[in-house]
């Protein structure tokens, strides 16, 4: 019969879902979402820390709120159309090809909304609030695909409520800060190859179903928590035509708690139940895990070159090195499931321009290069990430002195993402064919 220590080791390998607690092929490198401003999206997010006139500065650089007058409200929504398909191959513990399809299009259409408000007081103080989604995305593969033991569904959602305030120190220099209350919700699932688990133990190997890919189960993990962080910024206007902004968003720590839902085939459960030491394994119960989202340093510059033309740029540094591993802890006897990430800090570079066509229309465009924090040693189908390019266009339609509507389109092209992973006896290797299209619309009203 199965030995207790042997099955504990194998159960950790069979689960292997820890890494998905911080995954999802988002619209920026890692699982970051930059889409909190359609106006900024039109320039590939160039100059976001320096530009004014967009109330998303509540989270992008609160110091810029002092450049507003009265009350400004803004609603943004960006629809992310993510497309990527696995084009590789896989083998099981016996070297046989993994059965199933390539998973189909694991992406989908996901709306990312944001809502912000800024109010400027008469004493040089400005306050603001914003709801936004800085991290996460949902992906799903076809049932029974060849990489089913690595990933099926990943739904990672992080929603922030940010309250900010800013103060003019001089006519040309302001500072700001904000408090972030953030909620993370995670749902993950994958198939479990119980056939390989039983085959690896001599005591159960004679069973007819104790063969790789012969008897699959399923595991789904759900968890959520609320964490807190902060943002600080400064905004300098050395001349009437030049603005420089710097903002820093802190890490946010979450202690996720939730449930593990196991689907174990009847014949496999009978084997486990025959041994009192293994009977409690793979049973539904509660789980917990720690997750830290990274710090972000954002530096932006905006230059009004002429009365009609403005140029802008951004450098952003995201501290993904804080994500070393994710460890799922089970209240049941199942051992911890640990996924090493070993991610690296990354940089984001963007250049953009705006052109005032006439009193009603402003046109904009931009390009950006976004580095991936991942490496092929730890890359999985849940996050087939790679360096990527952003290509954006956008426009503002000014319907009146108080009301604007903004539009933007962005094409994101990753640099041939690949995976090469070996886990629990199977290997999955090959490239992904992927891209993303972002469609944004927003409205701003000034009182």
Protein backbone atom coordinates (compact mmCIF):
# COMPACT_ATOMS: atom_id res chain seq x y z
CA UNK A 1 0.00 0.00 0.00
CA UNK A 2 1.09 3.62 -0.35
CA UNK A 3 3.60 4.77 2.24
CA UNK A 4 2.66 7.93 4.10
CA UNK A 5 5.92 9.80 3.47
CA UNK A 6 5.98 8.82 -0.19
CA UNK A 7 2.42 10.00 -0.79
CA UNK A 8 3.03 13.26 1.04
CA UNK A 9 5.86 14.05 -1.36
CA UNK A 10 3.85 13.04 -4.39
CA UNK A 11 0.76 14.94 -3.34
CA UNK A 12 2.74 18.17 -3.28
CA UNK A 13 3.91 17.47 -6.83
CA UNK A 14 0.43 16.47 -7.95
CA UNK A 15 -1.05 19.73 -6.75
CA UNK A 16 1.58 22.18 -7.94
CA UNK A 17 -0.79 25.16 -8.16
CA UNK A 18 1.02 27.54 -5.85
CA UNK A 19 2.47 29.57 -8.65
CA UNK A 20 -0.94 30.56 -9.95
CA UNK A 21 -1.63 32.64 -6.88
CA UNK A 22 0.31 35.34 -8.64
CA UNK A 23 -0.39 34.78 -12.28
CA UNK A 24 -2.47 35.58 -15.30
CA UNK A 25 -1.04 36.88 -18.56
CA UNK A 26 -1.95 40.47 -17.90
CA UNK A 27 -1.65 43.48 -20.16
CA UNK A 28 1.71 44.43 -18.64
CA UNK A 29 4.67 42.28 -17.65
CA UNK A 30 4.08 39.86 -14.82
CA UNK A 31 0.44 40.19 -13.82
CA UNK A 32 0.35 43.99 -13.67
CA UNK A 33 -2.44 46.04 -15.21
CA UNK A 34 -1.59 49.61 -16.22
CA UNK A 35 -5.06 50.33 -17.59
CA UNK A 36 -6.43 52.95 -15.20
CA UNK A 37 -6.54 55.83 -17.69
CA UNK A 38 -7.72 55.75 -21.30
CA UNK A 39 -6.13 59.13 -21.93
CA UNK A 40 -2.73 57.78 -20.81
CA UNK A 41 -3.29 54.56 -22.71
CA UNK A 42 -3.34 56.60 -25.93
CA UNK A 43 0.34 57.45 -25.39
CA UNK A 44 1.31 53.94 -24.15
CA UNK A 45 1.25 55.42 -20.63
CA UNK A 46 4.06 57.87 -21.39
CA UNK A 47 4.28 60.77 -18.93
CA UNK A 48 1.60 59.47 -16.52
CA UNK A 49 3.44 60.79 -13.46
CA UNK A 50 3.85 64.25 -14.98
CA UNK A 51 0.69 64.94 -16.97
CA UNK A 52 -2.27 66.83 -15.54
CA UNK A 53 -5.90 67.04 -16.59
CA UNK A 54 -6.56 63.35 -15.98
CA UNK A 55 -7.99 62.48 -12.57
CA UNK A 56 -6.31 59.05 -12.58
CA UNK A 57 -3.39 60.98 -11.04
CA UNK A 58 -5.01 59.93 -7.74
CA UNK A 59 -3.08 56.65 -8.17
CA UNK A 60 -0.47 57.60 -10.78
CA UNK A 61 0.91 60.65 -8.96
CA UNK A 62 -1.28 62.29 -6.28
CA UNK A 63 0.97 65.39 -6.22
CA UNK A 64 -0.43 66.42 -9.61
CA UNK A 65 -3.93 66.86 -8.13
CA UNK A 66 -3.07 70.43 -7.16
CA UNK A 67 -3.17 71.36 -10.87
CA UNK A 68 -6.95 70.80 -10.98
CA UNK A 69 -9.70 73.34 -10.39
CA UNK A 70 -13.03 72.61 -8.74
CA UNK A 71 -14.25 69.02 -8.89
CA UNK A 72 -13.38 66.54 -11.63
CA UNK A 73 -14.99 63.12 -12.05
CA UNK A 74 -13.82 60.48 -14.50
CA UNK A 75 -14.92 56.96 -15.50
CA UNK A 76 -12.64 54.71 -17.56
CA UNK A 77 -13.06 51.24 -18.99
CA UNK A 78 -10.50 49.31 -21.01
CA UNK A 79 -11.44 46.02 -22.65
CA UNK A 80 -8.49 43.63 -22.92
CA UNK A 81 -8.80 41.09 -25.74
CA UNK A 82 -6.07 38.58 -24.90
CA UNK A 83 -5.15 35.84 -27.36
CA UNK A 84 -2.54 33.15 -26.89
CA UNK A 85 -2.26 29.49 -27.86
CA UNK A 86 0.26 26.83 -26.89
CA UNK A 87 2.20 25.43 -29.86
CA UNK A 88 4.49 23.00 -28.07
CA UNK A 89 4.43 19.37 -26.99
CA UNK A 90 4.48 17.35 -23.81
CA UNK A 91 5.32 13.91 -22.41
CA UNK A 92 4.24 12.00 -19.32
CA UNK A 93 6.34 10.09 -16.75
CA UNK A 94 6.82 7.20 -19.20
CA UNK A 95 7.85 9.46 -22.07
CA UNK A 96 4.52 9.05 -23.83
CA UNK A 97 2.92 12.08 -25.53
CA UNK A 98 0.48 13.97 -23.36
CA UNK A 99 -3.03 13.47 -24.66
CA UNK A 100 -5.43 16.28 -25.42
CA UNK A 101 -5.59 19.47 -27.47
CA UNK A 102 -3.30 22.49 -27.37
CA UNK A 103 -5.75 24.18 -25.02
CA UNK A 104 -7.31 26.53 -27.55
CA UNK A 105 -7.25 30.27 -26.97
CA UNK A 106 -6.53 30.57 -23.25
CA UNK A 107 -7.22 34.28 -23.29
CA UNK A 108 -10.53 36.07 -23.53
CA UNK A 109 -12.20 39.44 -23.29
CA UNK A 110 -11.86 41.15 -19.91
CA UNK A 111 -13.09 44.66 -19.01
CA UNK A 112 -10.94 46.69 -16.61
CA UNK A 113 -12.92 49.64 -15.14
CA UNK A 114 -11.70 52.59 -13.09
CA UNK A 115 -13.48 55.48 -11.39
CA UNK A 116 -11.80 58.59 -9.98
CA UNK A 117 -12.66 61.98 -8.50
CA UNK A 118 -10.46 64.97 -7.59
CA UNK A 119 -11.49 68.09 -5.64
CA UNK A 120 -9.27 71.16 -5.35
CA UNK A 121 -9.78 73.34 -2.29
CA UNK A 122 -9.13 77.09 -2.16
CA UNK A 123 -6.12 76.76 0.17
CA UNK A 124 -3.83 74.88 -2.23
CA UNK A 125 -4.89 71.46 -0.97
CA UNK A 126 -6.43 68.83 -3.25
CA UNK A 127 -8.06 65.52 -2.31
CA UNK A 128 -9.03 62.56 -4.45
CA UNK A 129 -10.37 59.01 -4.47
CA UNK A 130 -10.13 56.24 -7.02
CA UNK A 131 -11.21 52.63 -7.55
CA UNK A 132 -8.90 50.72 -9.90
CA UNK A 133 -7.54 47.26 -10.72
CA UNK A 134 -3.71 47.30 -10.70
CA UNK A 135 -3.12 43.54 -10.98
CA UNK A 136 -4.73 40.39 -12.34
CA UNK A 137 -6.52 38.78 -15.25
CA UNK A 138 -8.55 35.64 -16.05
CA UNK A 139 -7.34 32.81 -18.33
CA UNK A 140 -8.86 29.42 -19.12
CA UNK A 141 -7.76 26.41 -21.17
CA UNK A 142 -9.95 23.75 -22.75
CA UNK A 143 -10.93 20.74 -20.63
CA UNK A 144 -8.50 17.85 -21.00
CA UNK A 145 -5.82 19.80 -22.87
CA UNK A 146 -2.26 18.42 -22.87
CA UNK A 147 -1.12 20.90 -20.21
CA UNK A 148 -4.05 20.18 -17.89
CA UNK A 149 -1.71 19.09 -15.07
CA UNK A 150 -0.12 22.55 -15.11
CA UNK A 151 -3.14 24.84 -15.50
CA UNK A 152 -6.82 24.97 -16.31
CA UNK A 153 -8.35 28.19 -14.96
CA UNK A 154 -6.68 31.20 -13.36
CA UNK A 155 -8.79 34.09 -12.11
CA UNK A 156 -6.75 36.66 -10.19
CA UNK A 157 -8.40 39.97 -9.30
CA UNK A 158 -6.90 42.80 -7.28
CA UNK A 159 -9.08 45.89 -6.71
CA UNK A 160 -7.83 49.05 -4.95
CA UNK A 161 -9.57 51.89 -3.21
CA UNK A 162 -7.10 54.78 -3.01
CA UNK A 163 -7.62 57.96 -0.99
CA UNK A 164 -5.08 60.70 -1.75
CA UNK A 165 -4.25 64.28 -0.81
CA UNK A 166 -1.84 66.84 -2.25
CA UNK A 167 -0.40 70.21 -1.26
CA UNK A 168 1.27 73.04 -3.18
CA UNK A 169 4.62 73.78 -1.54
CA UNK A 170 5.34 76.57 -4.03
CA UNK A 171 3.71 77.73 -7.24
CA UNK A 172 5.85 75.21 -9.11
CA UNK A 173 6.24 72.31 -6.70
CA UNK A 174 3.69 70.05 -5.01
CA UNK A 175 3.70 66.83 -3.02
CA UNK A 176 1.05 64.18 -2.46
CA UNK A 177 0.36 60.91 -0.68
CA UNK A 178 -2.37 58.30 -0.56
CA UNK A 179 -3.58 55.28 1.37
CA UNK A 180 -4.40 52.11 -0.57
CA UNK A 181 -6.94 49.55 0.63
CA UNK A 182 -6.67 46.54 -1.67
CA UNK A 183 -8.68 43.33 -2.02
CA UNK A 184 -7.27 40.24 -3.74
CA UNK A 185 -9.53 37.38 -4.94
CA UNK A 186 -7.98 34.26 -6.47
CA UNK A 187 -9.53 31.17 -8.07
CA UNK A 188 -7.24 28.50 -9.56
CA UNK A 189 -7.77 25.04 -10.95
CA UNK A 190 -5.91 22.21 -12.69
CA UNK A 191 -6.13 18.48 -13.30
CA UNK A 192 -4.26 16.03 -11.06
CA UNK A 193 -2.64 12.92 -12.55
CA UNK A 194 -3.45 10.32 -9.90
CA UNK A 195 -2.39 7.59 -12.32
CA UNK A 196 1.22 8.84 -12.21
CA UNK A 197 1.05 9.20 -8.44
CA UNK A 198 -0.04 5.56 -8.00
CA UNK A 199 2.39 4.29 -10.66
CA UNK A 200 5.34 5.84 -8.82
CA UNK A 201 4.73 3.58 -5.78
CA UNK A 202 5.60 -0.15 -6.16
CA UNK A 203 2.76 -1.15 -3.83
CA UNK A 204 0.05 0.29 -6.09
CA UNK A 205 1.77 -0.07 -9.47
CA UNK A 206 -0.01 -3.39 -10.28
CA UNK A 207 -3.40 -1.64 -10.25
CA UNK A 208 -4.79 -1.44 -13.83
CA UNK A 209 -5.42 2.30 -13.55
CA UNK A 210 -2.01 3.06 -11.99
CA UNK A 211 -0.59 4.49 -15.20
CA UNK A 212 0.16 8.05 -16.27
CA UNK A 213 -2.88 9.85 -17.74
CA UNK A 214 -5.20 6.91 -16.94
CA UNK A 215 -7.10 8.44 -14.02
CA UNK A 216 -7.37 12.21 -13.64
CA UNK A 217 -8.73 14.17 -10.74
CA UNK A 218 -9.18 17.90 -10.30
CA UNK A 219 -8.16 20.57 -7.80
CA UNK A 220 -9.58 24.07 -7.33
CA UNK A 221 -8.21 26.63 -4.90
CA UNK A 222 -10.03 29.81 -3.85
CA UNK A 223 -8.72 32.51 -1.53
CA UNK A 224 -9.06 36.21 -0.73
CA UNK A 225 -7.78 38.90 1.64
CA UNK A 226 -7.55 42.67 2.14
CA UNK A 227 -4.15 44.38 2.29
CA UNK A 228 -2.97 47.95 2.75
CA UNK A 229 -0.29 50.08 1.15
CA UNK A 230 0.55 53.67 0.27
CA UNK A 231 1.57 55.93 -2.57
CA UNK A 232 3.66 59.11 -2.47
CA UNK A 233 4.61 61.58 -5.19
CA UNK A 234 6.07 64.92 -6.17
CA UNK A 235 5.31 67.19 -9.12
CA UNK A 236 7.77 69.84 -10.33
CA UNK A 237 7.06 72.51 -12.97
CA UNK A 238 10.43 74.21 -13.64
CA UNK A 239 8.93 76.21 -16.53
CA UNK A 240 5.46 76.82 -17.88
CA UNK A 241 6.07 74.18 -20.57
CA UNK A 242 7.86 71.41 -18.64
CA UNK A 243 6.55 69.13 -15.91
CA UNK A 244 8.38 66.36 -14.05
CA UNK A 245 6.61 63.85 -11.84
CA UNK A 246 7.81 61.03 -9.60
CA UNK A 247 5.58 58.60 -7.73
CA UNK A 248 6.17 55.50 -5.62
CA UNK A 249 3.61 52.79 -4.85
CA UNK A 250 4.47 50.48 -1.97
CA UNK A 251 4.31 46.71 -1.84
CA UNK A 252 1.01 45.30 -0.56
CA UNK A 253 0.96 42.10 1.51
CA UNK A 254 -1.98 39.71 1.52
CA UNK A 255 -2.62 36.68 3.74
CA UNK A 256 -4.99 34.81 1.47
CA UNK A 257 -7.38 32.33 3.09
CA UNK A 258 -9.90 30.12 1.36
CA UNK A 259 -10.76 26.57 0.39
CA UNK A 260 -9.35 23.61 -1.53
CA UNK A 261 -11.90 21.57 -3.49
CA UNK A 262 -10.61 18.15 -4.61
CA UNK A 263 -12.25 15.82 -7.13
CA UNK A 264 -10.77 12.36 -6.57
CA UNK A 265 -11.98 9.42 -8.72
CA UNK A 266 -13.76 6.68 -6.73
CA UNK A 267 -11.19 3.97 -7.49
CA UNK A 268 -8.35 6.23 -6.34
CA UNK A 269 -10.20 7.24 -3.18
CA UNK A 270 -10.74 3.57 -2.37
CA UNK A 271 -6.96 3.04 -2.49
CA UNK A 272 -6.32 5.99 -0.19
CA UNK A 273 -9.04 4.97 2.27
CA UNK A 274 -7.54 1.51 2.66
CA UNK A 275 -4.67 3.05 4.64
CA UNK A 276 -5.56 5.13 7.74
CA UNK A 277 -2.48 7.30 7.17
CA UNK A 278 -3.41 8.25 3.60
CA UNK A 279 -7.20 8.42 3.96
CA UNK A 280 -7.21 12.12 5.06
CA UNK A 281 -5.19 13.27 2.02
CA UNK A 282 -6.74 15.09 -0.94
CA UNK A 283 -9.81 16.03 1.10
CA UNK A 284 -11.69 19.33 0.83
CA UNK A 285 -10.62 21.86 3.43
CA UNK A 286 -9.21 25.30 4.11
CA UNK A 287 -5.95 26.75 2.77
CA UNK A 288 -3.84 29.87 3.23
CA UNK A 289 -1.02 31.58 1.34
CA UNK A 290 0.99 34.78 1.48
CA UNK A 291 1.13 37.02 -1.57
CA UNK A 292 2.99 40.31 -2.08
CA UNK A 293 2.34 42.63 -5.01
CA UNK A 294 5.39 44.66 -6.02
CA UNK A 295 6.42 48.24 -5.44
CA UNK A 296 6.35 50.56 -8.46
CA UNK A 297 8.53 53.64 -9.06
CA UNK A 298 7.21 55.85 -11.85
CA UNK A 299 9.10 58.81 -13.35
CA UNK A 300 7.41 60.94 -16.00
CA UNK A 301 8.27 64.03 -18.03
CA UNK A 302 5.97 66.21 -20.15
CA UNK A 303 7.15 68.99 -22.47
CA UNK A 304 4.83 71.35 -24.33
CA UNK A 305 6.98 71.82 -27.42
CA UNK A 306 4.55 74.19 -29.16
CA UNK A 307 1.08 75.55 -28.58
CA UNK A 308 -0.28 72.38 -30.26
CA UNK A 309 2.33 69.67 -29.68
CA UNK A 310 3.33 68.03 -26.39
CA UNK A 311 5.93 65.29 -25.95
CA UNK A 312 6.21 62.98 -22.95
CA UNK A 313 8.14 60.03 -21.60
CA UNK A 314 8.05 57.52 -18.76
CA UNK A 315 10.48 55.28 -16.95
CA UNK A 316 8.94 52.84 -14.47
CA UNK A 317 10.66 50.32 -12.21
CA UNK A 318 8.60 47.43 -10.80
CA UNK A 319 10.07 45.50 -7.87
CA UNK A 320 9.08 41.98 -8.85
CA UNK A 321 12.09 40.57 -6.97
CA UNK A 322 9.86 40.64 -3.89
CA UNK A 323 8.06 37.62 -5.38
CA UNK A 324 10.47 34.80 -4.52
CA UNK A 325 7.97 32.01 -3.92
CA UNK A 326 4.32 31.33 -3.20
CA UNK A 327 3.53 28.66 -0.60
CA UNK A 328 0.05 27.15 -0.19
CA UNK A 329 -0.55 25.81 3.32
CA UNK A 330 -3.26 23.17 3.85
CA UNK A 331 -5.12 22.69 7.12
CA UNK A 332 -5.51 19.04 6.07
CA UNK A 333 -2.47 16.70 6.24
CA UNK A 334 -1.48 17.53 2.65
CA UNK A 335 1.99 19.10 2.64
CA UNK A 336 2.67 22.69 1.63
CA UNK A 337 2.73 23.28 -2.11
CA UNK A 338 5.61 25.62 -2.92
CA UNK A 339 6.26 27.33 -6.23
CA UNK A 340 9.60 29.13 -6.66
CA UNK A 341 9.33 32.30 -8.74
CA UNK A 342 12.72 33.98 -8.41
CA UNK A 343 11.35 36.90 -10.44
CA UNK A 344 13.51 39.92 -11.27
CA UNK A 345 12.91 43.66 -11.07
CA UNK A 346 11.92 45.10 -14.44
CA UNK A 347 11.80 48.41 -16.29
CA UNK A 348 9.18 50.00 -18.52
CA UNK A 349 10.06 52.69 -21.10
CA UNK A 350 7.49 54.78 -23.00
CA UNK A 351 7.51 57.74 -25.38
CA UNK A 352 4.38 59.56 -26.53
CA UNK A 353 3.00 62.69 -28.13
CA UNK A 354 -0.24 64.71 -28.12
CA UNK A 355 -1.36 67.08 -30.86
CA UNK A 356 -4.14 69.65 -30.51
CA UNK A 357 -5.90 69.33 -33.84
CA UNK A 358 -8.57 71.95 -33.08
CA UNK A 359 -10.74 73.12 -30.21
CA UNK A 360 -12.70 69.85 -30.26
CA UNK A 361 -10.08 67.17 -30.92
CA UNK A 362 -6.72 66.17 -29.46
CA UNK A 363 -4.83 63.28 -31.06
CA UNK A 364 -2.17 61.17 -29.36
CA UNK A 365 0.08 58.18 -29.89
CA UNK A 366 2.87 56.31 -28.15
CA UNK A 367 5.17 53.32 -28.05
CA UNK A 368 6.60 51.42 -25.08
CA UNK A 369 8.93 48.55 -24.21
CA UNK A 370 8.00 46.39 -21.22
CA UNK A 371 10.42 43.87 -19.67
CA UNK A 372 9.25 40.54 -18.25
CA UNK A 373 10.22 39.53 -14.69
CA UNK A 374 10.05 35.83 -15.56
CA UNK A 375 12.67 33.37 -16.74
CA UNK A 376 12.19 30.12 -18.64
CA UNK A 377 13.33 28.15 -15.56
CA UNK A 378 10.14 29.12 -13.69
CA UNK A 379 7.72 29.97 -16.49
CA UNK A 380 4.44 28.01 -16.68
CA UNK A 381 1.31 27.98 -18.90
CA UNK A 382 -0.40 30.12 -16.26
CA UNK A 383 2.01 32.94 -17.12
CA UNK A 384 3.76 32.50 -20.50
CA UNK A 385 5.22 35.97 -20.15
CA UNK A 386 7.86 37.66 -22.32
CA UNK A 387 9.25 41.11 -23.10
CA UNK A 388 6.67 43.06 -25.06
CA UNK A 389 6.06 46.15 -27.16
CA UNK A 390 3.12 48.55 -26.82
CA UNK A 391 1.80 50.50 -29.83
CA UNK A 392 -0.98 52.99 -29.03
CA UNK A 393 -3.18 55.66 -30.56
CA UNK A 394 -5.88 57.75 -28.94
CA UNK A 395 -7.99 60.88 -29.05
CA UNK A 396 -9.95 63.28 -26.86
CA UNK A 397 -13.24 64.69 -28.04
CA UNK A 398 -14.06 67.89 -26.16
CA UNK A 399 -17.83 68.26 -26.28
CA UNK A 400 -17.87 71.35 -24.02
CA UNK A 401 -15.68 73.23 -21.57
CA UNK A 402 -16.80 70.76 -18.88
CA UNK A 403 -17.13 67.42 -20.67
CA UNK A 404 -14.56 65.26 -22.50
CA UNK A 405 -14.71 61.78 -24.02
CA UNK A 406 -11.48 59.84 -24.59
CA UNK A 407 -10.73 56.89 -26.87
CA UNK A 408 -7.66 54.66 -27.14
CA UNK A 409 -6.41 51.52 -28.85
CA UNK A 410 -3.27 49.59 -27.94
CA UNK A 411 -1.64 46.62 -29.63
CA UNK A 412 0.64 44.53 -27.39
CA UNK A 413 3.06 42.12 -29.04
CA UNK A 414 5.15 39.81 -26.82
CA UNK A 415 8.55 38.55 -27.86
CA UNK A 416 7.87 34.83 -28.57
CA UNK A 417 7.12 33.50 -25.07
CA UNK A 418 8.29 29.92 -24.39
CA UNK A 419 7.96 27.44 -21.55
CA UNK A 420 10.06 24.39 -20.67
CA UNK A 421 8.80 22.87 -17.43
CA UNK A 422 9.17 19.47 -15.79
CA UNK A 423 6.94 18.66 -12.84
CA UNK A 424 5.40 15.55 -11.22
CA UNK A 425 6.80 13.32 -13.96
CA UNK A 426 5.53 15.24 -17.00
CA UNK A 427 7.26 17.73 -19.27
CA UNK A 428 5.66 20.57 -21.20
CA UNK A 429 7.79 22.54 -23.64
CA UNK A 430 7.34 24.91 -26.55
CA UNK A 431 6.31 28.39 -27.68
CA UNK A 432 3.10 30.37 -27.33
CA UNK A 433 1.56 32.43 -30.10
CA UNK A 434 0.08 35.44 -28.35
CA UNK A 435 -0.93 39.07 -28.51
CA UNK A 436 -3.38 41.47 -26.91
CA UNK A 437 -5.62 44.27 -28.15
CA UNK A 438 -6.81 46.96 -25.74
CA UNK A 439 -9.85 49.14 -26.45
CA UNK A 440 -10.49 52.03 -24.08
CA UNK A 441 -13.15 54.67 -23.60
CA UNK A 442 -13.57 57.20 -20.78
CA UNK A 443 -15.57 60.27 -19.89
CA UNK A 444 -14.55 63.21 -17.70
CA UNK A 445 -16.79 65.92 -16.28
CA UNK A 446 -15.58 69.06 -14.52
CA UNK A 447 -17.81 70.98 -12.11
